Amino acid sequence: MSARAYGGYVGFEIAAHVRQDLIARQLCLKRVKTMRSYLPDSAQAVSRLLALTVIADGGGSPLEIAATYRLKILDYAQIQDHVFDQVLHELCTDLATTFNGLMKVEKEMIDQALAEITLPELRLSVWKSMWELSYADDELADGELALLLLATSTWGIERDAHGGGQISKLAVPPDLES
């Protein structure tokens, strides 16, 4: 199993081949105690959640990396390939690692990343893309499932019987209702 629980965080193993043109694994081993912040609903905020999804199964398989560049969310959120690459790199540098190469992703970090997506329509699009990425390698790892369930509950998304979802009326702030 790639994702392992250790006390207050979940560790994800990182593969050295996260992306061929991405700087080698050594950059992912830096120890930084906090993640950087991005503007709400920005291309960087969306990219970080996609990057978290990619590494959540234990290493960012080539299938998941390739699938990222085919997602409709990239056009919808106006994310260019180099922006996603940069955010993936920044995520690797922001996350601390253990002696055996597991990345420490604390719940507060995921909460921060989820909180940076505020628009209900964007949340739903990101959520659907996260599910799509999680299944890109035909497996749903424990780390991916944990991230997806946290996004589902935090954002108030109600799944339907066909795997789709909608934002719960209770999850939409009154000032965003139409």
Protein backbone atom coordinates (compact mmCIF):
# COMPACT_ATOMS: atom_id res chain seq x y z
CA MET A 1 0.00 0.00 0.00
CA SER A 2 1.44 3.39 -0.97
CA ALA A 3 -0.35 5.67 1.45
CA ARG A 4 0.39 5.13 5.13
CA ALA A 5 -1.07 6.78 8.19
CA TYR A 6 1.40 8.07 10.78
CA GLY A 7 -0.17 9.82 13.73
CA GLY A 8 -1.59 13.13 12.54
CA TYR A 9 -0.61 12.90 8.89
CA VAL A 10 -0.79 10.65 5.89
CA GLY A 11 2.45 9.85 4.10
CA PHE A 12 2.68 9.42 0.36
CA GLU A 13 5.68 7.79 -1.26
CA ILE A 14 7.07 9.85 -4.12
CA ALA A 15 8.34 8.27 -7.30
CA ALA A 16 11.41 9.83 -8.89
CA HIS A 17 9.64 9.87 -12.27
CA VAL A 18 6.85 12.28 -11.26
CA ARG A 19 7.37 14.05 -14.55
CA GLN A 20 10.38 13.59 -16.83
CA ASP A 21 10.98 17.30 -17.26
CA LEU A 22 10.38 18.01 -13.56
CA ILE A 23 13.48 18.53 -11.48
CA ALA A 24 14.66 15.32 -9.81
CA ARG A 25 13.38 13.90 -6.56
CA GLN A 26 15.95 15.73 -4.44
CA LEU A 27 13.88 18.90 -4.70
CA CYS A 28 10.98 17.04 -3.13
CA LEU A 29 13.03 16.19 -0.07
CA LYS A 30 13.38 19.73 1.28
CA ARG A 31 11.78 20.24 4.63
CA VAL A 32 9.37 23.14 4.76
CA LYS A 33 6.87 23.42 7.59
CA THR A 34 4.05 25.25 5.78
CA MET A 35 2.58 25.35 2.32
CA ARG A 36 2.48 28.54 0.35
CA SER A 37 -0.88 30.22 -0.19
CA TYR A 38 -2.50 30.89 -3.52
CA LEU A 39 -5.23 33.33 -4.46
CA PRO A 40 -8.71 31.86 -4.08
CA ASP A 41 -9.98 30.11 -7.21
CA SER A 42 -6.71 30.77 -9.04
CA ALA A 43 -5.11 28.44 -11.56
CA GLN A 44 -2.45 27.71 -8.94
CA ALA A 45 -5.02 26.79 -6.26
CA VAL A 46 -6.75 24.38 -8.65
CA SER A 47 -3.41 22.98 -9.82
CA ARG A 48 -2.34 22.23 -6.25
CA LEU A 49 -5.43 20.08 -5.64
CA LEU A 50 -4.81 18.23 -8.88
CA ALA A 51 -1.16 17.76 -7.89
CA LEU A 52 -2.20 16.48 -4.46
CA THR A 53 -4.46 13.99 -6.21
CA VAL A 54 -1.62 12.86 -8.47
CA ILE A 55 0.75 12.15 -5.57
CA ALA A 56 -1.90 10.81 -3.19
CA ASP A 57 -1.58 7.24 -4.45
CA GLY A 58 2.08 7.07 -3.76
CA GLY A 59 3.98 8.73 -6.48
CA GLY A 60 2.41 10.36 -9.45
CA SER A 61 2.25 7.60 -12.00
CA PRO A 62 2.95 8.53 -15.61
CA LEU A 63 -0.68 7.66 -16.41
CA GLU A 64 -1.96 10.19 -13.87
CA ILE A 65 0.49 12.87 -14.99
CA ALA A 66 -0.55 12.36 -18.62
CA ALA A 67 -4.23 12.36 -17.64
CA THR A 68 -3.80 15.71 -15.92
CA TYR A 69 -3.03 17.40 -19.22
CA ARG A 70 -6.20 15.99 -20.81
CA LEU A 71 -8.60 17.27 -18.15
CA LYS A 72 -11.29 19.75 -19.13
CA ILE A 73 -10.64 21.60 -15.87
CA LEU A 74 -7.38 22.94 -17.29
CA ASP A 75 -9.25 24.94 -19.90
CA TYR A 76 -12.10 25.81 -17.53
CA ALA A 77 -9.71 27.18 -14.88
CA GLN A 78 -7.33 28.60 -17.52
CA ILE A 79 -4.41 26.47 -16.38
CA GLN A 80 -1.48 26.23 -18.75
CA ASP A 81 0.79 23.17 -18.62
CA HIS A 82 3.74 25.11 -17.25
CA VAL A 83 1.57 26.45 -14.40
CA PHE A 84 0.60 22.93 -13.35
CA ASP A 85 4.25 21.82 -13.63
CA GLN A 86 5.37 24.74 -11.44
CA VAL A 87 2.71 24.07 -8.80
CA LEU A 88 3.59 20.37 -8.72
CA HIS A 89 7.21 21.35 -8.17
CA GLU A 90 6.23 23.85 -5.45
CA LEU A 91 4.08 21.25 -3.73
CA CYS A 92 7.02 18.86 -3.63
CA THR A 93 9.21 21.54 -2.10
CA ASP A 94 6.53 22.60 0.40
CA LEU A 95 5.88 19.14 1.81
CA ALA A 96 8.20 17.67 4.40
CA THR A 97 9.37 14.12 3.93
CA THR A 98 10.27 11.38 6.33
CA PHE A 99 13.59 9.53 6.34
CA ASN A 100 12.13 6.83 4.09
CA GLY A 101 10.84 9.22 1.43
CA LEU A 102 7.21 9.53 2.48
CA MET A 103 5.74 12.99 2.09
CA LYS A 104 3.95 14.33 5.12
CA VAL A 105 0.62 15.82 4.11
CA GLU A 106 -1.11 17.11 7.20
CA LYS A 107 -4.89 17.47 7.24
CA GLU A 108 -4.51 21.21 7.84
CA MET A 109 -2.58 21.47 4.57
CA ILE A 110 -5.36 19.73 2.67
CA ASP A 111 -7.92 21.91 4.44
CA GLN A 112 -5.96 24.98 3.32
CA ALA A 113 -5.86 23.76 -0.28
CA LEU A 114 -9.59 22.98 -0.26
CA ALA A 115 -10.42 26.37 1.29
CA GLU A 116 -8.70 28.15 -1.59
CA ILE A 117 -11.46 26.97 -3.95
CA THR A 118 -14.53 29.02 -3.07
CA LEU A 119 -16.79 29.09 -6.13
CA PRO A 120 -19.34 26.24 -6.05
CA GLU A 121 -19.13 25.56 -9.81
CA LEU A 122 -15.34 25.46 -9.67
CA ARG A 123 -15.42 23.18 -6.63
CA LEU A 124 -17.63 20.72 -8.49
CA SER A 125 -15.40 20.82 -11.59
CA VAL A 126 -12.25 20.32 -9.52
CA TRP A 127 -13.91 17.51 -7.56
CA LYS A 128 -14.91 15.69 -10.75
CA SER A 129 -11.38 16.13 -12.12
CA MET A 130 -9.90 14.77 -8.90
CA TRP A 131 -12.06 11.64 -9.27
CA GLU A 132 -11.05 11.31 -12.92
CA LEU A 133 -7.36 11.59 -12.04
CA SER A 134 -7.69 9.08 -9.23
CA TYR A 135 -8.95 6.46 -11.68
CA ALA A 136 -6.43 7.26 -14.44
CA ASP A 137 -4.34 4.24 -13.43
CA ASP A 138 -7.44 2.05 -12.95
CA GLU A 139 -6.93 1.95 -9.18
CA LEU A 140 -8.25 3.97 -6.27
CA ALA A 141 -5.58 4.05 -3.56
CA ASP A 142 -6.32 4.73 0.11
CA GLY A 143 -4.64 8.14 -0.05
CA GLU A 144 -6.69 9.16 -3.07
CA LEU A 145 -9.91 8.01 -1.44
CA ALA A 146 -9.09 9.91 1.76
CA LEU A 147 -8.44 13.11 -0.22
CA LEU A 148 -11.61 12.69 -2.29
CA LEU A 149 -13.82 12.02 0.72
CA LEU A 150 -12.40 15.04 2.52
CA ALA A 151 -13.10 17.23 -0.53
CA THR A 152 -16.60 15.76 -0.81
CA SER A 153 -17.49 16.52 2.80
CA THR A 154 -15.68 19.86 3.06
CA TRP A 155 -17.29 21.22 -0.07
CA GLY A 156 -20.72 19.73 0.67
CA ILE A 157 -20.91 17.72 -2.52
CA GLU A 158 -23.68 15.17 -2.79
CA ARG A 159 -22.83 12.25 -5.07
CA ASP A 160 -25.50 10.84 -7.32
CA ALA A 161 -26.01 7.23 -8.34
CA HIS A 162 -24.09 7.74 -11.60
CA GLY A 163 -20.86 8.98 -10.00
CA GLY A 164 -21.62 12.63 -10.63
CA GLY A 165 -22.32 15.17 -7.98
CA GLN A 166 -23.86 18.46 -7.08
CA ILE A 167 -23.16 21.07 -4.48
CA SER A 168 -25.52 20.78 -1.55
CA LYS A 169 -27.74 23.83 -1.10
CA LEU A 170 -26.43 24.00 2.48
CA ALA A 171 -22.82 24.28 1.25
CA VAL A 172 -23.40 27.37 -0.91
CA PRO A 173 -22.81 30.63 0.97
CA PRO A 174 -25.87 32.94 0.76
CA ASP A 175 -23.90 35.64 -1.10
CA LEU A 176 -23.05 33.16 -3.91
CA GLU A 177 -26.55 31.84 -4.49
CA SER A 178 -28.12 32.99 -7.75
